[in-house]
Amino acid sequence: MHITDMNWMHIEEYLKADDRCVLPIGSTEQHAGLSLCTDAILAERVGVDAAEPLGVPVYPAVPFGCSPYFSAFPGTISLKVETLLAVTRDVIGSMYTSGFRRVMIVNGHGGNAAVGNLCRELMAERPEMSLKFHNWWTGPRVMAKANEIAPNPSHANWFENFPWTRLANVSSPGDEKAMVDVTRLKVSGPARVRELLGDGSFGGAYQMSDADMTDLWAVGVAETRNELEQPW
């Protein structure tokens, strides 16, 4: 359940029977014609959809992540790695104080990978806690389904183009874009990254049918729910 629909008394009662919660983390960064908040939108929504039948509380998504490579695109917000880790550490510390002992971080942004390493560190500090770091979009079942639909699932292309990440009155291009050389991207500064990407998409088709995307979403939700249900 979404924690925006709960008060502190609900949490106190919930913790008498369960100690799980979900923390989505995303980013605010360029996604070509899609919402700047695509990663945060997807991380929070998949967390809520996955946890709802289980009654597990889901916190609002942390909306900012590490995106220095996209800083030449207006609207992008990028935290330093140490800032993201400090925020995550404080949030999980507060969850521990509340009584949560099992926290699943549903991550929607590749630049947040360092949080996965932080989880190992925090569990060493608090052995009674169990932390999961789940990149929902790279799960094996999600990737298998994506590759059934179309090649090159990637940043800001069809793979992230859901009805809830699109913007009103912004149409997706009907053609396909040549895939960018990711190796060159990784060794380029922000200005060069913008030059290489143009509109911001990494390439491939911009949009698939809503039916295909609904099927893909269902797989992502099921895989995320499975992570919540597995022993930990």
Protein backbone atom coordinates (compact mmCIF):
# COMPACT_ATOMS: atom_id res chain seq x y z
CA MET A 1 0.00 0.00 0.00
CA HIS A 2 1.18 3.51 -0.69
CA ILE A 3 2.41 5.19 2.49
CA THR A 4 0.71 8.41 1.44
CA ASP A 5 -2.53 6.60 2.34
CA MET A 6 -1.31 5.72 5.85
CA ASN A 7 -0.68 7.53 9.13
CA TRP A 8 1.80 6.70 11.88
CA MET A 9 -0.77 4.60 13.74
CA HIS A 10 -1.28 2.43 10.65
CA ILE A 11 2.46 1.83 10.50
CA GLU A 12 2.64 0.98 14.21
CA GLU A 13 -0.13 -1.57 13.79
CA TYR A 14 1.38 -3.00 10.59
CA LEU A 15 4.74 -3.55 12.27
CA LYS A 16 3.16 -5.88 14.82
CA ALA A 17 2.83 -8.49 12.06
CA ASP A 18 5.34 -7.58 9.33
CA ASP A 19 8.61 -5.67 9.06
CA ARG A 20 8.90 -5.18 5.29
CA CYS A 21 8.72 -1.94 3.34
CA VAL A 22 9.66 -0.70 -0.12
CA LEU A 23 11.82 2.31 -0.97
CA PRO A 24 11.75 3.29 -4.66
CA ILE A 25 14.61 5.40 -5.98
CA GLY A 26 14.78 7.01 -9.39
CA SER A 27 16.12 10.13 -11.05
CA THR A 28 15.10 13.38 -12.67
CA GLU A 29 16.94 13.42 -15.97
CA GLN A 30 16.38 13.79 -19.68
CA HIS A 31 14.38 11.01 -21.33
CA ALA A 32 14.04 12.48 -24.83
CA GLY A 33 10.30 13.21 -25.30
CA LEU A 34 9.26 11.35 -22.14
CA SER A 35 8.90 12.80 -18.66
CA LEU A 36 12.07 13.99 -16.93
CA CYS A 37 10.83 11.95 -13.95
CA THR A 38 10.44 8.69 -15.90
CA ASP A 39 12.76 6.65 -13.67
CA ALA A 40 11.10 7.85 -10.46
CA ILE A 41 7.61 7.31 -11.89
CA LEU A 42 8.39 3.75 -12.94
CA ALA A 43 10.21 2.77 -9.74
CA GLU A 44 7.40 4.01 -7.51
CA ARG A 45 4.61 2.59 -9.62
CA VAL A 46 6.13 -0.87 -9.98
CA GLY A 47 6.76 -0.89 -6.22
CA VAL A 48 3.16 0.07 -5.43
CA ASP A 49 1.67 -2.40 -7.92
CA ALA A 50 3.89 -5.21 -6.66
CA ALA A 51 3.34 -4.57 -2.95
CA GLU A 52 -0.39 -3.78 -2.96
CA PRO A 53 -1.69 -7.39 -2.74
CA LEU A 54 0.81 -8.09 0.05
CA GLY A 55 -0.11 -5.05 2.11
CA VAL A 56 3.52 -3.91 2.26
CA PRO A 57 4.02 -0.13 2.65
CA VAL A 58 5.71 1.69 -0.22
CA TYR A 59 7.41 5.03 0.38
CA PRO A 60 7.43 7.87 -2.19
CA ALA A 61 10.28 7.56 -4.66
CA VAL A 62 13.50 9.40 -4.01
CA PRO A 63 13.26 11.58 -7.14
CA PHE A 64 16.94 12.42 -7.63
CA GLY A 65 19.87 10.18 -8.50
CA CYS A 66 23.33 10.32 -10.04
CA SER A 67 23.09 11.63 -13.62
CA PRO A 68 26.18 13.80 -14.26
CA TYR A 69 26.47 12.63 -17.87
CA PHE A 70 23.09 14.22 -18.73
CA SER A 71 23.78 17.55 -17.02
CA ALA A 72 23.97 19.39 -20.36
CA PHE A 73 20.27 18.66 -20.89
CA PRO A 74 18.16 21.32 -19.12
CA GLY A 75 15.99 19.99 -16.29
CA THR A 76 18.34 17.20 -15.28
CA ILE A 77 19.19 17.04 -11.57
CA SER A 78 22.28 15.10 -10.49
CA LEU A 79 23.38 14.26 -6.97
CA LYS A 80 26.95 13.48 -6.09
CA VAL A 81 27.45 9.81 -5.27
CA GLU A 82 28.23 10.65 -1.66
CA THR A 83 25.04 12.72 -1.40
CA LEU A 84 22.85 9.91 -2.72
CA LEU A 85 24.50 7.44 -0.35
CA ALA A 86 24.12 9.81 2.61
CA VAL A 87 20.42 10.34 1.88
CA THR A 88 19.82 6.61 1.47
CA ARG A 89 21.71 5.86 4.68
CA ASP A 90 19.59 8.37 6.61
CA VAL A 91 16.33 7.09 5.13
CA ILE A 92 17.13 3.47 5.97
CA GLY A 93 18.27 4.54 9.43
CA SER A 94 14.89 6.16 10.00
CA MET A 95 13.14 3.02 8.75
CA TYR A 96 15.15 0.99 11.24
CA THR A 97 14.16 3.33 14.05
CA SER A 98 10.51 2.90 13.07
CA GLY A 99 10.83 -0.87 13.31
CA PHE A 100 11.33 -2.00 9.71
CA ARG A 101 13.90 -4.76 9.38
CA ARG A 102 13.43 -5.82 5.75
CA VAL A 103 13.69 -3.05 3.17
CA MET A 104 13.55 -3.58 -0.56
CA ILE A 105 14.97 -0.75 -2.64
CA VAL A 106 13.31 -0.72 -6.04
CA ASN A 107 15.72 1.12 -8.27
CA GLY A 108 14.71 2.71 -11.56
CA HIS A 109 18.00 4.32 -12.61
CA GLY A 110 21.33 2.78 -13.60
CA GLY A 111 23.31 5.68 -12.17
CA ASN A 112 22.21 4.67 -8.67
CA ALA A 113 24.19 1.43 -8.70
CA ALA A 114 26.34 2.51 -5.74
CA VAL A 115 23.30 2.14 -3.48
CA GLY A 116 23.53 -1.62 -3.99
CA ASN A 117 27.01 -1.60 -2.45
CA LEU A 118 25.76 0.59 0.39
CA CYS A 119 23.17 -2.05 1.24
CA ARG A 120 25.92 -4.57 1.92
CA GLU A 121 27.66 -2.07 4.18
CA LEU A 122 24.48 -1.28 6.11
CA MET A 123 23.72 -4.94 6.69
CA ALA A 124 27.21 -5.36 8.17
CA GLU A 125 26.47 -2.48 10.52
CA ARG A 126 23.00 -3.77 11.42
CA PRO A 127 23.03 -7.59 11.06
CA GLU A 128 19.37 -7.77 12.09
CA MET A 129 18.40 -5.91 8.90
CA SER A 130 17.96 -7.47 5.47
CA LEU A 131 18.17 -5.15 2.46
CA LYS A 132 17.39 -6.00 -1.15
CA PHE A 133 18.46 -3.83 -4.08
CA HIS A 134 16.23 -4.60 -7.06
CA ASN A 135 16.84 -3.06 -10.47
CA TRP A 136 13.33 -3.78 -11.66
CA TRP A 137 13.99 -3.11 -15.36
CA THR A 138 16.98 -5.47 -15.63
CA GLY A 139 15.36 -8.49 -14.02
CA PRO A 140 15.79 -11.64 -16.13
CA ARG A 141 12.07 -12.04 -16.73
CA VAL A 142 11.64 -8.38 -17.70
CA MET A 143 14.59 -8.52 -20.09
CA ALA A 144 13.36 -11.77 -21.64
CA LYS A 145 9.93 -10.26 -22.25
CA ALA A 146 11.42 -7.01 -23.59
CA ASN A 147 13.52 -8.90 -26.11
CA GLU A 148 10.40 -10.76 -27.28
CA ILE A 149 8.77 -7.43 -28.06
CA ALA A 150 11.56 -5.60 -29.89
CA PRO A 151 15.35 -5.32 -30.06
CA ASN A 152 17.46 -2.77 -28.20
CA PRO A 153 15.44 -2.01 -25.07
CA SER A 154 17.28 1.06 -23.82
CA HIS A 155 17.24 4.54 -22.34
CA ALA A 156 14.40 6.82 -23.49
CA ASN A 157 13.28 4.53 -26.28
CA TRP A 158 10.20 2.28 -26.43
CA PHE A 159 11.39 0.37 -23.35
CA GLU A 160 10.49 3.31 -21.08
CA ASN A 161 7.54 4.59 -23.10
CA PHE A 162 4.49 3.70 -21.01
CA PRO A 163 1.20 5.61 -20.93
CA TRP A 164 2.26 6.98 -17.52
CA THR A 165 5.67 8.27 -18.68
CA ARG A 166 4.39 10.05 -21.80
CA LEU A 167 3.58 13.75 -21.88
CA ALA A 168 0.34 15.18 -23.18
CA ASN A 169 0.65 16.70 -26.65
CA VAL A 170 4.14 15.23 -27.19
CA SER A 171 4.15 12.61 -29.94
CA SER A 172 6.80 9.95 -30.30
CA PRO A 173 8.67 9.91 -33.63
CA GLY A 174 7.41 7.18 -35.94
CA ASP A 175 10.81 6.18 -37.27
CA GLU A 176 13.68 4.35 -35.58
CA LYS A 177 16.87 6.02 -34.47
CA ALA A 178 20.31 4.51 -34.97
CA MET A 179 21.69 3.15 -31.70
CA VAL A 180 24.36 5.29 -30.10
CA ASP A 181 27.86 3.97 -29.47
CA VAL A 182 27.59 3.40 -25.72
CA THR A 183 31.35 2.91 -25.43
CA ARG A 184 31.88 6.46 -26.68
CA LEU A 185 29.20 7.76 -24.33
CA LYS A 186 30.99 6.32 -21.33
CA VAL A 187 34.18 8.24 -22.10
CA SER A 188 32.46 11.52 -22.98
CA GLY A 189 31.67 14.59 -20.90
CA PRO A 190 28.16 16.06 -20.65
CA ALA A 191 28.46 18.40 -23.67
CA ARG A 192 29.72 15.59 -25.89
CA VAL A 193 27.02 13.24 -24.57
CA ARG A 194 24.36 15.73 -25.62
CA GLU A 195 25.99 16.06 -29.03
CA LEU A 196 26.08 12.28 -29.50
CA LEU A 197 22.50 11.72 -28.33
CA GLY A 198 20.69 14.60 -30.00
CA ASP A 199 17.17 14.26 -28.61
CA GLY A 200 18.41 12.08 -25.73
CA SER A 201 17.25 8.62 -26.77
CA PHE A 202 19.93 5.95 -27.04
CA GLY A 203 18.27 4.75 -30.25
CA GLY A 204 15.88 2.11 -31.57
CA ALA A 205 12.12 2.42 -31.86
CA TYR A 206 10.47 5.15 -29.80
CA GLN A 207 7.17 3.43 -29.05
CA MET A 208 5.46 0.05 -29.07
CA SER A 209 1.78 -0.77 -28.73
CA ASP A 210 0.07 -0.23 -25.40
CA ALA A 211 -0.80 -3.92 -25.40
CA ASP A 212 2.88 -4.86 -25.57
CA MET A 213 3.77 -2.38 -22.84
CA THR A 214 0.96 -3.62 -20.60
CA ASP A 215 2.30 -7.17 -20.97
CA LEU A 216 5.83 -5.98 -20.16
CA TRP A 217 4.61 -4.08 -17.12
CA ALA A 218 2.79 -7.14 -15.80
CA VAL A 219 6.04 -9.11 -15.96
CA GLY A 220 7.92 -6.35 -14.14
CA VAL A 221 5.31 -6.19 -11.38
CA ALA A 222 5.26 -9.97 -10.97
CA GLU A 223 9.04 -10.19 -10.83
CA THR A 224 9.22 -7.40 -8.26
CA ARG A 225 6.49 -9.01 -6.16
CA ASN A 226 8.37 -12.28 -6.27
CA GLU A 227 11.40 -10.50 -4.78
CA LEU A 228 9.20 -9.24 -1.96
CA GLU A 229 7.75 -12.68 -1.27
CA GLN A 230 10.98 -14.66 -1.37
CA PRO A 231 12.59 -15.54 1.98
CA TRP A 232 15.00 -12.88 3.21
